[in-house]
Amino acid sequence: MEELRTRATKFMQIEEHIDYHMKTQATTSEKEREANKGICPPMTGIHRYRPNRGPRFHNYTPLTVPRGKVLDEALQAELILALKQAQTPRNADTAKRC
């Protein structure tokens, strides 16, 4: 259970980092668009220019409790399944984990 909680915390931190990165990138890309107005990128091969569409929704319902508590309640209500730990082979070194 503790491992799942730790993994969920890491994913939450990654999401927050991505959100911050997207916000800072959006402001710099707006400046670049103004500088490159009227210039189209080359359409060569598979690589095609796709504008950043931004987030899918503009408004999200704010959480009133920490995400970890929401995850705990979802696990208790069996809305999501906890990952089962894989069995260790007989001849494996138990000091090492991945």
PDB file of N, CA and C in Angstrom:
ATOM      1  N   MET A   1       0.831  -1.189   0.000  1.00  0.00           N
ATOM      2  CA  MET A   1       0.000   0.000   0.000  1.00  0.00           C
ATOM      3  C   MET A   1       0.876   1.253   0.000  1.00  0.00           C
ATOM      4  N   GLU A   2       1.967   1.191   0.778  1.00  0.00           N
ATOM      5  CA  GLU A   2       2.871   2.339   0.856  1.00  0.00           C
ATOM      6  C   GLU A   2       3.541   2.603  -0.497  1.00  0.00           C
ATOM      7  N   GLU A   3       3.865   1.519  -1.202  1.00  0.00           N
ATOM      8  CA  GLU A   3       4.485   1.675  -2.522  1.00  0.00           C
ATOM      9  C   GLU A   3       3.527   2.368  -3.490  1.00  0.00           C
ATOM     10  N   LEU A   4       2.252   1.997  -3.435  1.00  0.00           N
ATOM     11  CA  LEU A   4       1.250   2.615  -4.304  1.00  0.00           C
ATOM     12  C   LEU A   4       1.097   4.095  -3.969  1.00  0.00           C
ATOM     13  N   ARG A   5       1.105   4.409  -2.681  1.00  0.00           N
ATOM     14  CA  ARG A   5       1.001   5.794  -2.248  1.00  0.00           C
ATOM     15  C   ARG A   5       2.199   6.596  -2.750  1.00  0.00           C
ATOM     16  N   THR A   6       3.394   6.014  -2.669  1.00  0.00           N
ATOM     17  CA  THR A   6       4.602   6.690  -3.134  1.00  0.00           C
ATOM     18  C   THR A   6       4.554   6.921  -4.638  1.00  0.00           C
ATOM     19  N   ARG A   7       4.133   5.911  -5.373  1.00  0.00           N
ATOM     20  CA  ARG A   7       4.033   6.053  -6.830  1.00  0.00           C
ATOM     21  C   ARG A   7       3.011   7.111  -7.210  1.00  0.00           C
ATOM     22  N   ALA A   8       1.879   7.133  -6.492  1.00  0.00           N
ATOM     23  CA  ALA A   8       0.847   8.133  -6.787  1.00  0.00           C
ATOM     24  C   ALA A   8       1.370   9.538  -6.518  1.00  0.00           C
ATOM     25  N   THR A   9       2.141   9.696  -5.440  1.00  0.00           N
ATOM     26  CA  THR A   9       2.714  11.010  -5.126  1.00  0.00           C
ATOM     27  C   THR A   9       3.659  11.451  -6.227  1.00  0.00           C
ATOM     28  N   LYS A  10       4.469  10.525  -6.736  1.00  0.00           N
ATOM     29  CA  LYS A  10       5.398  10.860  -7.834  1.00  0.00           C
ATOM     30  C   LYS A  10       4.641  11.294  -9.078  1.00  0.00           C
ATOM     31  N   PHE A  11       3.561  10.582  -9.412  1.00  0.00           N
ATOM     32  CA  PHE A  11       2.774  10.954 -10.584  1.00  0.00           C
ATOM     33  C   PHE A  11       2.140  12.325 -10.409  1.00  0.00           C
ATOM     34  N   MET A  12       1.698  12.635  -9.195  1.00  0.00           N
ATOM     35  CA  MET A  12       1.110  13.952  -8.943  1.00  0.00           C
ATOM     36  C   MET A  12       2.153  15.050  -9.118  1.00  0.00           C
ATOM     37  N   GLN A  13       3.372  14.790  -8.653  1.00  0.00           N
ATOM     38  CA  GLN A  13       4.436  15.781  -8.814  1.00  0.00           C
ATOM     39  C   GLN A  13       4.768  15.969 -10.291  1.00  0.00           C
ATOM     40  N   ILE A  14       4.773  14.885 -11.039  1.00  0.00           N
ATOM     41  CA  ILE A  14       5.051  14.977 -12.473  1.00  0.00           C
ATOM     42  C   ILE A  14       3.969  15.804 -13.165  1.00  0.00           C
ATOM     43  N   GLU A  15       2.685  15.554 -12.815  1.00  0.00           N
ATOM     44  CA  GLU A  15       1.593  16.326 -13.411  1.00  0.00           C
ATOM     45  C   GLU A  15       1.736  17.812 -13.119  1.00  0.00           C
ATOM     46  N   GLU A  16       2.080  18.142 -11.881  1.00  0.00           N
ATOM     47  CA  GLU A  16       2.252  19.543 -11.522  1.00  0.00           C
ATOM     48  C   GLU A  16       3.425  20.163 -12.274  1.00  0.00           C
ATOM     49  N   HIS A  17       4.502  19.398 -12.465  1.00  0.00           N
ATOM     50  CA  HIS A  17       5.657  19.892 -13.213  1.00  0.00           C
ATOM     51  C   HIS A  17       5.280  20.125 -14.675  1.00  0.00           C
ATOM     52  N   ILE A  18       4.523  19.214 -15.249  1.00  0.00           N
ATOM     53  CA  ILE A  18       4.098  19.366 -16.650  1.00  0.00           C
ATOM     54  C   ILE A  18       3.215  20.594 -16.805  1.00  0.00           C
ATOM     55  N   ASP A  19       2.278  20.798 -15.856  1.00  0.00           N
ATOM     56  CA  ASP A  19       1.413  21.981 -15.912  1.00  0.00           C
ATOM     57  C   ASP A  19       2.239  23.263 -15.884  1.00  0.00           C
ATOM     58  N   TYR A  20       3.216  23.321 -14.983  1.00  0.00           N
ATOM     59  CA  TYR A  20       4.076  24.506 -14.888  1.00  0.00           C
ATOM     60  C   TYR A  20       4.856  24.699 -16.193  1.00  0.00           C
ATOM     61  N   HIS A  21       5.399  23.607 -16.727  1.00  0.00           N
ATOM     62  CA  HIS A  21       6.178  23.689 -17.959  1.00  0.00           C
ATOM     63  C   HIS A  21       5.308  24.161 -19.127  1.00  0.00           C
ATOM     64  N   MET A  22       4.081  23.658 -19.197  1.00  0.00           N
ATOM     65  CA  MET A  22       3.182  24.043 -20.286  1.00  0.00           C
ATOM     66  C   MET A  22       2.831  25.527 -20.194  1.00  0.00           C
ATOM     67  N   LYS A  23       2.638  26.043 -18.972  1.00  0.00           N
ATOM     68  CA  LYS A  23       2.308  27.458 -18.816  1.00  0.00           C
ATOM     69  C   LYS A  23       3.472  28.341 -19.243  1.00  0.00           C
ATOM     70  N   THR A  24       4.691  27.973 -18.836  1.00  0.00           N
ATOM     71  CA  THR A  24       5.848  28.781 -19.221  1.00  0.00           C
ATOM     72  C   THR A  24       6.127  28.660 -20.710  1.00  0.00           C
ATOM     73  N   GLN A  25       5.908  27.476 -21.270  1.00  0.00           N
ATOM     74  CA  GLN A  25       6.134  27.275 -22.700  1.00  0.00           C
ATOM     75  C   GLN A  25       5.107  28.049 -23.524  1.00  0.00           C
ATOM     76  N   ALA A  26       3.876  28.151 -23.023  1.00  0.00           N
ATOM     77  CA  ALA A  26       2.830  28.865 -23.757  1.00  0.00           C
ATOM     78  C   ALA A  26       3.184  30.340 -23.898  1.00  0.00           C
ATOM     79  N   THR A  27       3.750  30.939 -22.863  1.00  0.00           N
ATOM     80  CA  THR A  27       4.097  32.354 -22.963  1.00  0.00           C
ATOM     81  C   THR A  27       5.247  32.570 -23.928  1.00  0.00           C
ATOM     82  N   THR A  28       6.235  31.658 -23.936  1.00  0.00           N
ATOM     83  CA  THR A  28       7.349  31.821 -24.876  1.00  0.00           C
ATOM     84  C   THR A  28       6.908  31.516 -26.306  1.00  0.00           C
ATOM     85  N   SER A  29       5.994  30.549 -26.484  1.00  0.00           N
ATOM     86  CA  SER A  29       5.557  30.231 -27.845  1.00  0.00           C
ATOM     87  C   SER A  29       4.728  31.373 -28.435  1.00  0.00           C
ATOM     88  N   GLU A  30       4.001  32.098 -27.586  1.00  0.00           N
ATOM     89  CA  GLU A  30       3.262  33.257 -28.082  1.00  0.00           C
ATOM     90  C   GLU A  30       4.228  34.317 -28.605  1.00  0.00           C
ATOM     91  N   LYS A  31       5.318  34.527 -27.901  1.00  0.00           N
ATOM     92  CA  LYS A  31       6.322  35.491 -28.343  1.00  0.00           C
ATOM     93  C   LYS A  31       6.957  35.044 -29.646  1.00  0.00           C
ATOM     94  N   GLU A  32       7.229  33.741 -29.773  1.00  0.00           N
ATOM     95  CA  GLU A  32       7.817  33.212 -31.007  1.00  0.00           C
ATOM     96  C   GLU A  32       6.853  33.362 -32.185  1.00  0.00           C
ATOM     97  N   ARG A  33       5.564  33.116 -31.933  1.00  0.00           N
ATOM     98  CA  ARG A  33       4.578  33.257 -33.005  1.00  0.00           C
ATOM     99  C   ARG A  33       4.525  34.689 -33.520  1.00  0.00           C
ATOM    100  N   GLU A  34       4.603  35.645 -32.603  1.00  0.00           N
ATOM    101  CA  GLU A  34       4.603  37.052 -33.010  1.00  0.00           C
ATOM    102  C   GLU A  34       5.841  37.366 -33.841  1.00  0.00           C
ATOM    103  N   ALA A  35       6.986  36.807 -33.459  1.00  0.00           N
ATOM    104  CA  ALA A  35       8.226  37.073 -34.182  1.00  0.00           C
ATOM    105  C   ALA A  35       8.216  36.409 -35.557  1.00  0.00           C
ATOM    106  N   ASN A  36       7.599  35.226 -35.662  1.00  0.00           N
ATOM    107  CA  ASN A  36       7.603  34.465 -36.911  1.00  0.00           C
ATOM    108  C   ASN A  36       6.295  34.588 -37.675  1.00  0.00           C
ATOM    109  N   LYS A  37       5.557  35.630 -37.468  1.00  0.00           N
ATOM    110  CA  LYS A  37       4.264  35.790 -38.113  1.00  0.00           C
ATOM    111  C   LYS A  37       4.416  35.753 -39.634  1.00  0.00           C
ATOM    112  N   GLY A  38       3.613  34.926 -40.281  1.00  0.00           N
ATOM    113  CA  GLY A  38       3.640  34.833 -41.728  1.00  0.00           C
ATOM    114  C   GLY A  38       4.635  33.810 -42.256  1.00  0.00           C
ATOM    115  N   ILE A  39       5.445  33.214 -41.395  1.00  0.00           N
ATOM    116  CA  ILE A  39       6.422  32.215 -41.842  1.00  0.00           C
ATOM    117  C   ILE A  39       5.869  30.839 -41.504  1.00  0.00           C
ATOM    118  N   CYS A  40       5.726  29.972 -42.497  1.00  0.00           N
ATOM    119  CA  CYS A  40       5.226  28.617 -42.276  1.00  0.00           C
ATOM    120  C   CYS A  40       6.410  27.659 -42.155  1.00  0.00           C
ATOM    121  N   PRO A  41       6.363  26.726 -41.224  1.00  0.00           N
ATOM    122  CA  PRO A  41       7.435  25.747 -41.121  1.00  0.00           C
ATOM    123  C   PRO A  41       7.394  24.785 -42.300  1.00  0.00           C
ATOM    124  N   PRO A  42       8.529  24.223 -42.702  1.00  0.00           N
ATOM    125  CA  PRO A  42       8.548  23.308 -43.841  1.00  0.00           C
ATOM    126  C   PRO A  42       7.785  22.028 -43.547  1.00  0.00           C
ATOM    127  N   MET A  43       7.095  21.496 -44.542  1.00  0.00           N
ATOM    128  CA  MET A  43       6.347  20.252 -44.403  1.00  0.00           C
ATOM    129  C   MET A  43       7.153  19.145 -45.063  1.00  0.00           C
ATOM    130  N   THR A  44       8.080  18.568 -44.348  1.00  0.00           N
ATOM    131  CA  THR A  44       8.932  17.531 -44.912  1.00  0.00           C
ATOM    132  C   THR A  44       8.630  16.200 -44.258  1.00  0.00           C
ATOM    133  N   GLY A  45       8.395  15.192 -45.068  1.00  0.00           N
ATOM    134  CA  GLY A  45       8.210  13.833 -44.573  1.00  0.00           C
ATOM    135  C   GLY A  45       7.088  13.704 -43.567  1.00  0.00           C
ATOM    136  N   ILE A  46       7.349  12.926 -42.547  1.00  0.00           N
ATOM    137  CA  ILE A  46       6.348  12.634 -41.531  1.00  0.00           C
ATOM    138  C   ILE A  46       6.177  13.795 -40.560  1.00  0.00           C
ATOM    139  N   HIS A  47       7.243  14.556 -40.331  1.00  0.00           N
ATOM    140  CA  HIS A  47       7.209  15.625 -39.349  1.00  0.00           C
ATOM    141  C   HIS A  47       6.405  16.803 -39.883  1.00  0.00           C
ATOM    142  N   ARG A  48       5.241  16.994 -39.311  1.00  0.00           N
ATOM    143  CA  ARG A  48       4.380  18.097 -39.711  1.00  0.00           C
ATOM    144  C   ARG A  48       4.173  19.008 -38.522  1.00  0.00           C
ATOM    145  N   TYR A  49       3.973  20.251 -38.806  1.00  0.00           N
ATOM    146  CA  TYR A  49       3.764  21.246 -37.757  1.00  0.00           C
ATOM    147  C   TYR A  49       2.361  21.099 -37.187  1.00  0.00           C
ATOM    148  N   ARG A  50       2.268  20.967 -35.880  1.00  0.00           N
ATOM    149  CA  ARG A  50       0.971  20.928 -35.218  1.00  0.00           C
ATOM    150  C   ARG A  50       0.996  21.952 -34.093  1.00  0.00           C
ATOM    151  N   PRO A  51       0.104  22.888 -34.126  1.00  0.00           N
ATOM    152  CA  PRO A  51       0.094  23.892 -33.050  1.00  0.00           C
ATOM    153  C   PRO A  51      -0.293  23.242 -31.723  1.00  0.00           C
ATOM    154  N   ASN A  52       0.225  23.805 -30.649  1.00  0.00           N
ATOM    155  CA  ASN A  52      -0.103  23.313 -29.317  1.00  0.00           C
ATOM    156  C   ASN A  52      -1.560  23.635 -29.033  1.00  0.00           C
ATOM    157  N   ARG A  53      -2.360  22.627 -28.790  1.00  0.00           N
ATOM    158  CA  ARG A  53      -3.788  22.837 -28.570  1.00  0.00           C
ATOM    159  C   ARG A  53      -4.100  23.241 -27.135  1.00  0.00           C
ATOM    160  N   GLY A  54      -3.156  23.064 -26.237  1.00  0.00           N
ATOM    161  CA  GLY A  54      -3.388  23.438 -24.848  1.00  0.00           C
ATOM    162  C   GLY A  54      -4.197  22.387 -24.125  1.00  0.00           C
ATOM    163  N   PRO A  55      -4.669  22.697 -22.929  1.00  0.00           N
ATOM    164  CA  PRO A  55      -5.432  21.721 -22.159  1.00  0.00           C
ATOM    165  C   PRO A  55      -6.789  21.451 -22.788  1.00  0.00           C
ATOM    166  N   ARG A  56      -7.331  20.284 -22.505  1.00  0.00           N
ATOM    167  CA  ARG A  56      -8.607  19.901 -23.085  1.00  0.00           C
ATOM    168  C   ARG A  56      -9.750  20.715 -22.488  1.00  0.00           C
ATOM    169  N   PHE A  57      -9.683  20.968 -21.186  1.00  0.00           N
ATOM    170  CA  PHE A  57     -10.719  21.736 -20.519  1.00  0.00           C
ATOM    171  C   PHE A  57     -10.093  22.988 -19.927  1.00  0.00           C
ATOM    172  N   HIS A  58     -10.895  24.016 -19.766  1.00  0.00           N
ATOM    173  CA  HIS A  58     -10.391  25.268 -19.220  1.00  0.00           C
ATOM    174  C   HIS A  58     -10.649  25.380 -17.726  1.00  0.00           C
ATOM    175  N   ASN A  59     -11.671  24.717 -17.246  1.00  0.00           N
ATOM    176  CA  ASN A  59     -12.014  24.779 -15.824  1.00  0.00           C
ATOM    177  C   ASN A  59     -12.072  23.368 -15.256  1.00  0.00           C
ATOM    178  N   TYR A  60     -11.436  23.177 -14.114  1.00  0.00           N
ATOM    179  CA  TYR A  60     -11.483  21.913 -13.405  1.00  0.00           C
ATOM    180  C   TYR A  60     -12.038  22.158 -12.014  1.00  0.00           C
ATOM    181  N   THR A  61     -12.746  21.179 -11.477  1.00  0.00           N
ATOM    182  CA  THR A  61     -13.273  21.304 -10.126  1.00  0.00           C
ATOM    183  C   THR A  61     -12.118  21.183  -9.144  1.00  0.00           C
ATOM    184  N   PRO A  62     -11.923  22.176  -8.287  1.00  0.00           N
ATOM    185  CA  PRO A  62     -10.810  22.103  -7.335  1.00  0.00           C
ATOM    186  C   PRO A  62     -11.089  21.054  -6.256  1.00  0.00           C
ATOM    187  N   LEU A  63     -10.031  20.368  -5.832  1.00  0.00           N
ATOM    188  CA  LEU A  63     -10.153  19.376  -4.769  1.00  0.00           C
ATOM    189  C   LEU A  63     -10.092  20.074  -3.426  1.00  0.00           C
ATOM    190  N   THR A  64     -10.885  19.600  -2.474  1.00  0.00           N
ATOM    191  CA  THR A  64     -10.886  20.184  -1.139  1.00  0.00           C
ATOM    192  C   THR A  64     -10.012  19.403  -0.171  1.00  0.00           C
ATOM    193  N   VAL A  65      -9.528  18.227  -0.610  1.00  0.00           N
ATOM    194  CA  VAL A  65      -8.644  17.397   0.215  1.00  0.00           C
ATOM    195  C   VAL A  65      -7.415  17.047  -0.613  1.00  0.00           C
ATOM    196  N   PRO A  66      -6.320  16.632   0.032  1.00  0.00           N
ATOM    197  CA  PRO A  66      -5.123  16.248  -0.723  1.00  0.00           C
ATOM    198  C   PRO A  66      -5.393  15.053  -1.644  1.00  0.00           C
ATOM    199  N   ARG A  67      -4.651  14.974  -2.722  1.00  0.00           N
ATOM    200  CA  ARG A  67      -4.837  13.899  -3.698  1.00  0.00           C
ATOM    201  C   ARG A  67      -4.580  12.522  -3.099  1.00  0.00           C
ATOM    202  N   GLY A  68      -3.648  12.451  -2.149  1.00  0.00           N
ATOM    203  CA  GLY A  68      -3.353  11.176  -1.493  1.00  0.00           C
ATOM    204  C   GLY A  68      -4.563  10.618  -0.770  1.00  0.00           C
ATOM    205  N   LYS A  69      -5.338  11.497  -0.124  1.00  0.00           N
ATOM    206  CA  LYS A  69      -6.540  11.057   0.580  1.00  0.00           C
ATOM    207  C   LYS A  69      -7.605  10.591  -0.418  1.00  0.00           C
ATOM    208  N   VAL A  70      -7.709  11.284  -1.529  1.00  0.00           N
ATOM    209  CA  VAL A  70      -8.658  10.875  -2.577  1.00  0.00           C
ATOM    210  C   VAL A  70      -8.280   9.490  -3.092  1.00  0.00           C
ATOM    211  N   LEU A  71      -6.982   9.256  -3.286  1.00  0.00           N
ATOM    212  CA  LEU A  71      -6.512   7.955  -3.757  1.00  0.00           C
ATOM    213  C   LEU A  71      -6.831   6.869  -2.737  1.00  0.00           C
ATOM    214  N   ASP A  72      -6.592   7.143  -1.440  1.00  0.00           N
ATOM    215  CA  ASP A  72      -6.903   6.164  -0.394  1.00  0.00           C
ATOM    216  C   ASP A  72      -8.383   5.787  -0.402  1.00  0.00           C
ATOM    217  N   GLU A  73      -9.243   6.790  -0.507  1.00  0.00           N
ATOM    218  CA  GLU A  73     -10.679   6.520  -0.513  1.00  0.00           C
ATOM    219  C   GLU A  73     -11.104   5.748  -1.758  1.00  0.00           C
ATOM    220  N   ALA A  74     -10.483   6.052  -2.896  1.00  0.00           N
ATOM    221  CA  ALA A  74     -10.806   5.318  -4.126  1.00  0.00           C
ATOM    222  C   ALA A  74     -10.384   3.860  -4.004  1.00  0.00           C
ATOM    223  N   LEU A  75      -9.236   3.626  -3.357  1.00  0.00           N
ATOM    224  CA  LEU A  75      -8.790   2.246  -3.144  1.00  0.00           C
ATOM    225  C   LEU A  75      -9.728   1.507  -2.195  1.00  0.00           C
ATOM    226  N   GLN A  76     -10.165   2.171  -1.126  1.00  0.00           N
ATOM    227  CA  GLN A  76     -11.064   1.534  -0.168  1.00  0.00           C
ATOM    228  C   GLN A  76     -12.434   1.246  -0.780  1.00  0.00           C
ATOM    229  N   ALA A  77     -12.896   2.124  -1.654  1.00  0.00           N
ATOM    230  CA  ALA A  77     -14.193   1.926  -2.304  1.00  0.00           C
ATOM    231  C   ALA A  77     -14.082   0.995  -3.507  1.00  0.00           C
ATOM    232  N   GLU A  78     -12.861   0.516  -3.772  1.00  0.00           N
ATOM    233  CA  GLU A  78     -12.571  -0.386  -4.888  1.00  0.00           C
ATOM    234  C   GLU A  78     -12.955   0.219  -6.243  1.00  0.00           C
ATOM    235  N   LEU A  79     -12.771   1.542  -6.366  1.00  0.00           N
ATOM    236  CA  LEU A  79     -12.971   2.201  -7.656  1.00  0.00           C
ATOM    237  C   LEU A  79     -11.779   1.954  -8.563  1.00  0.00           C
ATOM    238  N   ILE A  80     -10.608   1.800  -7.945  1.00  0.00           N
ATOM    239  CA  ILE A  80      -9.398   1.439  -8.684  1.00  0.00           C
ATOM    240  C   ILE A  80      -8.764   0.252  -7.973  1.00  0.00           C
ATOM    241  N   LEU A  81      -8.003  -0.529  -8.706  1.00  0.00           N
ATOM    242  CA  LEU A  81      -7.389  -1.718  -8.138  1.00  0.00           C
ATOM    243  C   LEU A  81      -5.938  -1.445  -7.783  1.00  0.00           C
ATOM    244  N   ALA A  82      -5.511  -1.956  -6.645  1.00  0.00           N
ATOM    245  CA  ALA A  82      -4.110  -1.834  -6.242  1.00  0.00           C
ATOM    246  C   ALA A  82      -3.288  -2.849  -7.030  1.00  0.00           C
ATOM    247  N   LEU A  83      -2.086  -2.463  -7.381  1.00  0.00           N
ATOM    248  CA  LEU A  83      -1.213  -3.365  -8.125  1.00  0.00           C
ATOM    249  C   LEU A  83      -0.731  -4.481  -7.212  1.00  0.00           C
ATOM    250  N   LYS A  84      -0.735  -5.696  -7.725  1.00  0.00           N
ATOM    251  CA  LYS A  84      -0.229  -6.822  -6.955  1.00  0.00           C
ATOM    252  C   LYS A  84       1.264  -6.941  -7.199  1.00  0.00           C
ATOM    253  N   GLN A  85       1.980  -7.259  -6.135  1.00  0.00           N
ATOM    254  CA  GLN A  85       3.424  -7.390  -6.272  1.00  0.00           C
ATOM    255  C   GLN A  85       3.737  -8.712  -6.951  1.00  0.00           C
ATOM    256  N   ALA A  86       4.621  -8.671  -7.929  1.00  0.00           N
ATOM    257  CA  ALA A  86       4.985  -9.875  -8.673  1.00  0.00           C
ATOM    258  C   ALA A  86       5.753 -10.829  -7.769  1.00  0.00           C
ATOM    259  N   GLN A  87       5.592 -12.123  -8.013  1.00  0.00           N
ATOM    260  CA  GLN A  87       6.311 -13.112  -7.220  1.00  0.00           C
ATOM    261  C   GLN A  87       7.776 -13.133  -7.634  1.00  0.00           C
ATOM    262  N   THR A  88       8.637 -13.275  -6.635  1.00  0.00           N
ATOM    263  CA  THR A  88      10.072 -13.312  -6.883  1.00  0.00           C
ATOM    264  C   THR A  88      10.486 -14.742  -7.234  1.00  0.00           C
ATOM    265  N   PRO A  89      11.277 -14.914  -8.306  1.00  0.00           N
ATOM    266  CA  PRO A  89      11.771 -16.260  -8.631  1.00  0.00           C
ATOM    267  C   PRO A  89      12.621 -16.816  -7.490  1.00  0.00           C
ATOM    268  N   ARG A  90      12.714 -18.137  -7.402  1.00  0.00           N
ATOM    269  CA  ARG A  90      13.433 -18.791  -6.318  1.00  0.00           C
ATOM    270  C   ARG A  90      14.901 -18.387  -6.244  1.00  0.00           C
ATOM    271  N   ASN A  91      15.576 -18.284  -7.367  1.00  0.00           N
ATOM    272  CA  ASN A  91      17.020 -18.024  -7.368  1.00  0.00           C
ATOM    273  C   ASN A  91      17.349 -16.535  -7.486  1.00  0.00           C
ATOM    274  N   ALA A  92      16.397 -15.660  -7.286  1.00  0.00           N
ATOM    275  CA  ALA A  92      16.636 -14.213  -7.424  1.00  0.00           C
ATOM    276  C   ALA A  92      17.305 -13.664  -6.177  1.00  0.00           C
ATOM    277  N   ASP A  93      18.090 -12.607  -6.378  1.00  0.00           N
ATOM    278  CA  ASP A  93      18.744 -11.914  -5.265  1.00  0.00           C
ATOM    279  C   ASP A  93      17.707 -10.971  -4.647  1.00  0.00           C
ATOM    280  N   THR A  94      17.293 -11.248  -3.409  1.00  0.00           N
ATOM    281  CA  THR A  94      16.240 -10.452  -2.777  1.00  0.00           C
ATOM    282  C   THR A  94      16.739  -9.084  -2.319  1.00  0.00           C
ATOM    283  N   ALA A  95      18.048  -8.848  -2.349  1.00  0.00           N
ATOM    284  CA  ALA A  95      18.580  -7.547  -1.975  1.00  0.00           C
ATOM    285  C   ALA A  95      18.358  -6.516  -3.084  1.00  0.00           C
ATOM    286  N   LYS A  96      18.111  -6.990  -4.274  1.00  0.00           N
ATOM    287  CA  LYS A  96      17.913  -6.097  -5.436  1.00  0.00           C
ATOM    288  C   LYS A  96      16.447  -6.075  -5.827  1.00  0.00           C
ATOM    289  N   ARG A  97      15.965  -4.868  -6.202  1.00  0.00           N
ATOM    290  CA  ARG A  97      14.582  -4.705  -6.649  1.00  0.00           C
ATOM    291  C   ARG A  97      14.552  -3.741  -7.821  1.00  0.00           C
ATOM    292  N   CYS A  98      13.537  -3.885  -8.642  1.00  0.00           N
ATOM    293  CA  CYS A  98      13.355  -2.910  -9.712  1.00  0.00           C
ATOM    294  C   CYS A  98      11.910  -2.524  -9.783  1.00  0.00           C
TER     295      CYS A  98
END
